[in-house]
Amino acid sequence: MTAPLDASLPDHSFSTESPPRRGHEAPIGIFDSGLGGLSVLRAIRAQLPHEALLYVADSLHAPYGARDNAFISERTLAISEWLVSQGAKALVVACNTATAESIALARARLAVPIIGVEPGIKPAAAQSKSRTAGVLATQVTLRSERFRSLIERYAADCHFICQPGHGLADAVERCDIDSPEVRALLARYIEPMLAAGADTLVLGCTHYPFLDAAIRDIARDRLTLVDTSVAIARQLERVLETNHLSAPADRQPAPPRLCSTDNGVHMHRLASTLLGLDGPVECVSIGTRGGTPDQSHAA
């Protein structure tokens, strides 16, 4: 089971500054520390098939969950600025870790609408019958003030078992979503939640929806999975409409433009296997702000 979502996103989902004038047919920029954000791209394509999409995976530096806060903020700003330089009319930070640590900084620096992601604590608390739920997320997300605020605001009467998903994002980056090793790692994280009576599991990293088949097999229908990608797509639709940035509904855009800061081999494999996207992946070099100019070529 996957829970329907719509109201789990923050109230302030985009900059209050007026965005620069960009054509309605300009792309939406999406980025993640690596390949996990492809789960968000998948939901956006389903919700907004008429929009052009530009995705950047910072796979050279993935996963962000093991990085310090200063590094995460620097990469978030550098990639966001690069996407805007490519003409993006709105941005989706498809990374829980980057959202938790640095989306406020990005909104302060850039004048395009910016949508972030966050763990689905609110819908999980609303639907848990046992009042016990699990959360799989990165250590950075779990220790963030944003995460603590979600627990305090929406889940005071619900017990959350918070488990850092060490190794899971790395596995998805390798396109390993169903090996015995990954299943053993998932079982080690999930079985204590089940033993404690959890009936709901928040997938608090955009990499984790690609592991949902293995999770369901381990949980055997005892857990409802909360994945925020559908809510993100709906929020993006509202933000585009509010800012008069929506592409014409009858438009037929080109396939998403896919970019990676590493060689793009794993990205091509995952996009082809799970999203049916078999086009080239551009290898881009996005230096730190004020650093080396970016370069790109097709993988």
Protein backbone atom coordinates (compact mmCIF):
# COMPACT_ATOMS: atom_id res chain seq x y z
CA MET A 1 0.00 0.00 0.00
CA THR A 2 1.18 3.52 -0.69
CA ALA A 3 -0.58 6.32 1.11
CA PRO A 4 -2.22 9.11 -0.92
CA LEU A 5 -0.54 12.42 -0.13
CA ASP A 6 -1.24 16.05 -0.76
CA ALA A 7 -0.81 18.12 2.36
CA SER A 8 2.62 17.13 3.66
CA LEU A 9 4.59 19.93 2.05
CA PRO A 10 5.62 23.15 3.78
CA ASP A 11 3.33 26.15 3.57
CA HIS A 12 6.05 28.38 2.09
CA SER A 13 7.10 26.39 -0.95
CA PHE A 14 8.57 29.12 -3.15
CA SER A 15 10.31 32.45 -3.05
CA THR A 16 8.07 35.46 -2.53
CA GLU A 17 10.20 37.45 -4.95
CA SER A 18 8.91 37.88 -8.49
CA PRO A 19 10.66 35.36 -10.75
CA PRO A 20 12.46 36.61 -13.85
CA ARG A 21 10.39 36.60 -17.00
CA ARG A 22 10.78 33.18 -18.57
CA GLY A 23 8.71 31.56 -21.26
CA HIS A 24 5.94 29.17 -20.30
CA GLU A 25 7.78 26.52 -22.28
CA ALA A 26 10.99 26.89 -20.26
CA PRO A 27 12.00 23.74 -18.37
CA ILE A 28 11.47 22.87 -14.73
CA GLY A 29 14.82 22.19 -13.07
CA ILE A 30 15.02 19.18 -10.76
CA PHE A 31 18.05 18.04 -8.82
CA ASP A 32 19.11 15.52 -6.24
CA SER A 33 22.37 14.38 -4.73
CA GLY A 34 22.12 11.49 -7.15
CA LEU A 35 19.55 9.22 -8.74
CA GLY A 36 16.87 9.19 -6.06
CA GLY A 37 15.19 12.29 -7.43
CA LEU A 38 14.27 10.30 -10.53
CA SER A 39 11.36 9.05 -8.40
CA VAL A 40 10.19 12.67 -8.17
CA LEU A 41 10.77 13.22 -11.88
CA ARG A 42 8.59 10.17 -12.55
CA ALA A 43 5.73 11.66 -10.52
CA ILE A 44 6.09 15.08 -12.14
CA ARG A 45 5.97 13.56 -15.63
CA ALA A 46 2.77 11.76 -14.72
CA GLN A 47 1.15 14.86 -13.19
CA LEU A 48 2.46 17.45 -15.70
CA PRO A 49 3.11 15.66 -19.01
CA HIS A 50 3.16 18.95 -20.92
CA GLU A 51 6.12 20.40 -19.00
CA ALA A 52 9.75 20.25 -20.16
CA LEU A 53 12.07 18.83 -17.49
CA LEU A 54 15.78 19.22 -16.80
CA TYR A 55 17.25 16.86 -14.18
CA VAL A 56 20.68 17.02 -12.56
CA ALA A 57 22.10 14.18 -10.49
CA ASP A 58 25.10 15.26 -8.41
CA SER A 59 26.26 11.65 -8.37
CA LEU A 60 29.92 12.63 -8.20
CA HIS A 61 29.24 13.79 -4.64
CA ALA A 62 26.45 11.38 -3.63
CA PRO A 63 25.11 10.67 -1.14
CA TYR A 64 24.67 13.99 0.68
CA GLY A 65 23.59 12.21 3.86
CA ALA A 66 27.23 11.61 4.79
CA ARG A 67 28.33 15.19 4.01
CA ASP A 68 28.68 18.16 6.34
CA ASN A 69 26.16 20.99 6.29
CA ALA A 70 28.45 23.55 4.64
CA PHE A 71 29.16 21.20 1.72
CA ILE A 72 25.46 20.47 1.21
CA SER A 73 24.59 24.18 1.16
CA GLU A 74 27.37 24.93 -1.31
CA ARG A 75 26.29 22.20 -3.72
CA THR A 76 22.63 23.15 -3.44
CA LEU A 77 23.41 26.75 -4.40
CA ALA A 78 25.83 25.81 -7.17
CA ILE A 79 23.43 23.39 -8.86
CA SER A 80 20.41 25.65 -8.37
CA GLU A 81 22.26 28.54 -10.01
CA TRP A 82 23.37 26.28 -12.87
CA LEU A 83 19.78 25.18 -13.50
CA VAL A 84 18.62 28.80 -13.57
CA SER A 85 21.45 29.61 -16.00
CA GLN A 86 20.04 26.87 -18.25
CA GLY A 87 16.69 28.69 -18.31
CA ALA A 88 14.77 26.82 -15.61
CA LYS A 89 11.54 28.65 -14.70
CA ALA A 90 11.12 26.80 -11.38
CA LEU A 91 13.22 24.43 -9.28
CA VAL A 92 12.45 21.23 -7.40
CA VAL A 93 15.01 20.27 -4.77
CA ALA A 94 14.29 16.54 -4.97
CA CYS A 95 16.48 15.69 -2.00
CA ASN A 96 15.31 15.54 1.62
CA THR A 97 18.81 16.22 2.90
CA ALA A 98 19.36 19.32 0.73
CA THR A 99 15.87 20.59 1.53
CA ALA A 100 16.38 20.18 5.27
CA GLU A 101 19.78 21.84 5.26
CA SER A 102 19.78 24.54 2.59
CA ILE A 103 16.52 25.28 0.79
CA ALA A 104 15.99 28.48 2.79
CA LEU A 105 19.36 29.73 1.59
CA ALA A 106 18.51 28.90 -2.04
CA ARG A 107 15.18 30.72 -1.77
CA ALA A 108 16.96 33.77 -0.38
CA ARG A 109 19.43 33.84 -3.28
CA LEU A 110 17.26 32.94 -6.28
CA ALA A 111 14.12 34.58 -7.67
CA VAL A 112 12.47 31.54 -9.27
CA PRO A 113 9.90 29.41 -7.40
CA ILE A 114 11.60 26.62 -5.43
CA ILE A 115 9.76 23.53 -4.19
CA GLY A 116 11.39 21.29 -1.62
CA VAL A 117 10.67 17.86 -0.23
CA GLU A 118 10.32 16.65 3.32
CA PRO A 119 9.51 13.36 5.05
CA GLY A 120 5.78 12.64 5.18
CA ILE A 121 5.45 12.89 8.95
CA LYS A 122 2.05 14.60 8.84
CA PRO A 123 0.27 12.00 6.64
CA ALA A 124 1.97 9.14 8.48
CA ALA A 125 0.73 10.44 11.84
CA ALA A 126 -2.76 10.98 10.42
CA GLN A 127 -3.17 7.44 9.16
CA SER A 128 -1.27 5.27 11.66
CA LYS A 129 -3.76 3.20 13.61
CA SER A 130 -1.17 1.74 15.97
CA ARG A 131 0.25 5.24 16.64
CA THR A 132 3.69 3.83 15.90
CA ALA A 133 5.45 4.56 12.63
CA GLY A 134 8.91 4.11 11.18
CA VAL A 135 11.05 6.64 9.34
CA LEU A 136 13.89 5.74 7.00
CA ALA A 137 15.97 8.84 6.20
CA THR A 138 19.54 10.08 6.08
CA GLN A 139 21.30 11.06 9.27
CA VAL A 140 21.41 14.70 8.13
CA THR A 141 17.64 14.76 7.62
CA LEU A 142 16.93 13.11 10.96
CA ARG A 143 19.11 15.54 12.91
CA SER A 144 17.80 18.66 11.13
CA GLU A 145 15.69 21.31 12.83
CA ARG A 146 13.18 20.96 9.98
CA PHE A 147 12.61 17.29 10.84
CA ARG A 148 12.28 17.99 14.57
CA SER A 149 9.75 20.70 13.78
CA LEU A 150 7.63 18.27 11.74
CA ILE A 151 7.54 15.81 14.65
CA GLU A 152 6.59 18.53 17.12
CA ARG A 153 3.87 20.04 14.90
CA TYR A 154 2.17 16.94 13.55
CA ALA A 155 3.10 13.89 15.56
CA ALA A 156 3.01 14.64 19.27
CA ASP A 157 0.76 11.64 19.95
CA CYS A 158 2.54 9.24 17.58
CA HIS A 159 5.75 7.34 18.31
CA PHE A 160 8.23 7.51 15.43
CA ILE A 161 11.08 5.02 15.17
CA CYS A 162 13.78 6.93 13.27
CA GLN A 163 16.31 4.82 11.42
CA PRO A 164 19.21 6.24 9.38
CA GLY A 165 19.25 4.38 6.08
CA HIS A 166 23.02 3.90 5.95
CA GLY A 167 23.98 2.23 2.67
CA LEU A 168 20.60 2.45 0.95
CA ALA A 169 21.23 5.55 -1.17
CA ASP A 170 24.61 4.13 -2.19
CA ALA A 171 22.89 0.92 -3.30
CA VAL A 172 20.39 2.82 -5.47
CA GLU A 173 23.25 4.85 -6.97
CA ARG A 174 24.74 1.51 -8.05
CA CYS A 175 21.33 0.48 -9.44
CA ASP A 176 21.22 -2.26 -6.82
CA ILE A 177 17.60 -2.33 -5.67
CA ASP A 178 16.92 -6.02 -5.06
CA SER A 179 20.12 -7.91 -4.26
CA PRO A 180 20.36 -10.24 -1.24
CA GLU A 181 22.70 -7.72 0.40
CA VAL A 182 20.22 -4.85 0.01
CA ARG A 183 17.36 -7.02 1.24
CA ALA A 184 19.38 -7.99 4.31
CA LEU A 185 20.14 -4.33 5.03
CA LEU A 186 16.47 -3.38 4.66
CA ALA A 187 15.39 -6.26 6.90
CA ARG A 188 17.80 -5.09 9.60
CA TYR A 189 16.20 -1.63 9.51
CA ILE A 190 12.55 -2.63 9.10
CA GLU A 191 12.10 -5.72 11.29
CA PRO A 192 12.66 -3.82 14.60
CA MET A 193 9.96 -1.36 13.48
CA LEU A 194 7.54 -4.20 12.83
CA ALA A 195 8.40 -5.78 16.18
CA ALA A 196 7.58 -2.47 17.88
CA GLY A 197 4.14 -2.39 16.24
CA ALA A 198 4.74 0.09 13.44
CA ASP A 199 2.04 0.03 10.76
CA THR A 200 3.39 2.90 8.63
CA LEU A 201 6.81 3.63 7.11
CA VAL A 202 7.93 7.04 5.90
CA LEU A 203 10.37 6.88 2.99
CA GLY A 204 12.35 9.94 3.99
CA CYS A 205 14.79 9.97 1.09
CA THR A 206 13.92 10.18 -2.60
CA HIS A 207 16.20 7.22 -3.29
CA TYR A 208 14.05 4.88 -1.21
CA PRO A 209 10.92 4.58 -3.42
CA PHE A 210 13.07 2.55 -5.81
CA LEU A 211 13.38 0.00 -2.99
CA ASP A 212 9.62 -0.25 -2.40
CA ALA A 213 9.23 -3.72 -3.93
CA ALA A 214 11.88 -5.16 -1.62
CA ILE A 215 10.39 -3.31 1.38
CA ARG A 216 6.90 -4.64 0.64
CA ASP A 217 8.25 -8.16 0.38
CA ILE A 218 9.95 -7.88 3.76
CA ALA A 219 6.98 -6.18 5.46
CA ARG A 220 4.36 -8.48 3.85
CA ASP A 221 1.60 -5.83 3.81
CA ARG A 222 2.14 -4.91 7.46
CA LEU A 223 3.35 -1.40 6.55
CA THR A 224 1.76 1.41 4.58
CA LEU A 225 4.52 3.25 2.72
CA VAL A 226 4.47 7.05 2.67
CA ASP A 227 6.20 8.48 -0.41
CA THR A 228 5.92 12.24 -0.98
CA SER A 229 6.68 12.33 -4.72
CA VAL A 230 3.02 12.61 -5.75
CA ALA A 231 2.48 15.47 -3.29
CA ILE A 232 5.54 17.25 -4.69
CA ALA A 233 4.17 17.02 -8.23
CA ARG A 234 0.81 18.44 -7.12
CA GLN A 235 2.49 21.25 -5.21
CA LEU A 236 4.60 22.08 -8.28
CA GLU A 237 1.44 22.27 -10.39
CA ARG A 238 -0.12 24.73 -7.93
CA VAL A 239 3.03 26.87 -7.80
CA LEU A 240 3.27 27.07 -11.60
CA GLU A 241 -0.37 28.09 -11.86
CA THR A 242 -0.01 30.72 -9.12
CA ASN A 243 3.02 32.23 -10.85
CA HIS A 244 1.45 32.00 -14.35
CA LEU A 245 4.27 29.72 -15.50
CA SER A 246 2.34 26.63 -16.64
CA ALA A 247 3.10 25.31 -20.11
CA PRO A 248 0.17 24.93 -22.54
CA ALA A 249 -1.80 21.79 -21.72
CA ASP A 250 -1.64 20.60 -25.35
CA ARG A 251 2.13 20.86 -25.55
CA GLN A 252 4.21 17.79 -26.39
CA PRO A 253 7.67 18.42 -24.89
CA ALA A 254 10.85 16.57 -25.70
CA PRO A 255 11.89 13.79 -23.28
CA PRO A 256 13.50 15.05 -20.06
CA ARG A 257 17.05 16.33 -20.36
CA LEU A 258 19.14 14.18 -18.00
CA CYS A 259 22.48 15.39 -16.62
CA SER A 260 24.96 13.88 -14.18
CA THR A 261 28.14 15.12 -12.53
CA ASP A 262 29.68 11.66 -12.88
CA ASN A 263 29.97 9.54 -16.01
CA GLY A 264 26.22 8.99 -16.18
CA VAL A 265 26.39 5.22 -16.70
CA HIS A 266 24.28 4.28 -13.66
CA MET A 267 21.86 7.11 -14.33
CA HIS A 268 21.26 5.89 -17.87
CA ARG A 269 20.68 2.36 -16.62
CA LEU A 270 18.22 3.36 -13.88
CA ALA A 271 16.33 5.84 -16.08
CA SER A 272 16.03 3.25 -18.83
CA THR A 273 15.01 0.37 -16.57
CA LEU A 274 12.60 2.12 -14.21
CA LEU A 275 11.37 5.15 -16.18
CA GLY A 276 11.57 3.96 -19.77
CA LEU A 277 13.91 6.84 -20.68
CA ASP A 278 16.61 5.58 -23.01
CA GLY A 279 18.08 8.88 -24.20
CA PRO A 280 21.62 10.12 -23.58
CA VAL A 281 22.82 11.41 -20.23
CA GLU A 282 24.87 14.61 -20.37
CA CYS A 283 27.96 14.65 -18.19
CA VAL A 284 28.21 18.11 -16.65
CA SER A 285 30.83 19.73 -14.44
CA ILE A 286 29.24 22.13 -11.97
CA GLY A 287 31.92 23.73 -9.86
CA THR A 288 31.40 25.38 -6.53
CA ARG A 289 30.10 28.93 -6.65
CA GLY A 290 32.80 31.16 -8.05
CA GLY A 291 34.84 28.10 -9.05
CA THR A 292 35.58 26.39 -12.33
CA PRO A 293 33.06 27.06 -15.13
CA ASP A 294 30.80 24.17 -16.01
CA GLN A 295 31.32 21.97 -19.02
CA SER A 296 29.11 19.29 -20.51
CA HIS A 297 29.13 16.46 -23.00
CA ALA A 298 26.91 13.49 -23.73
CA ALA A 299 27.75 10.20 -22.08
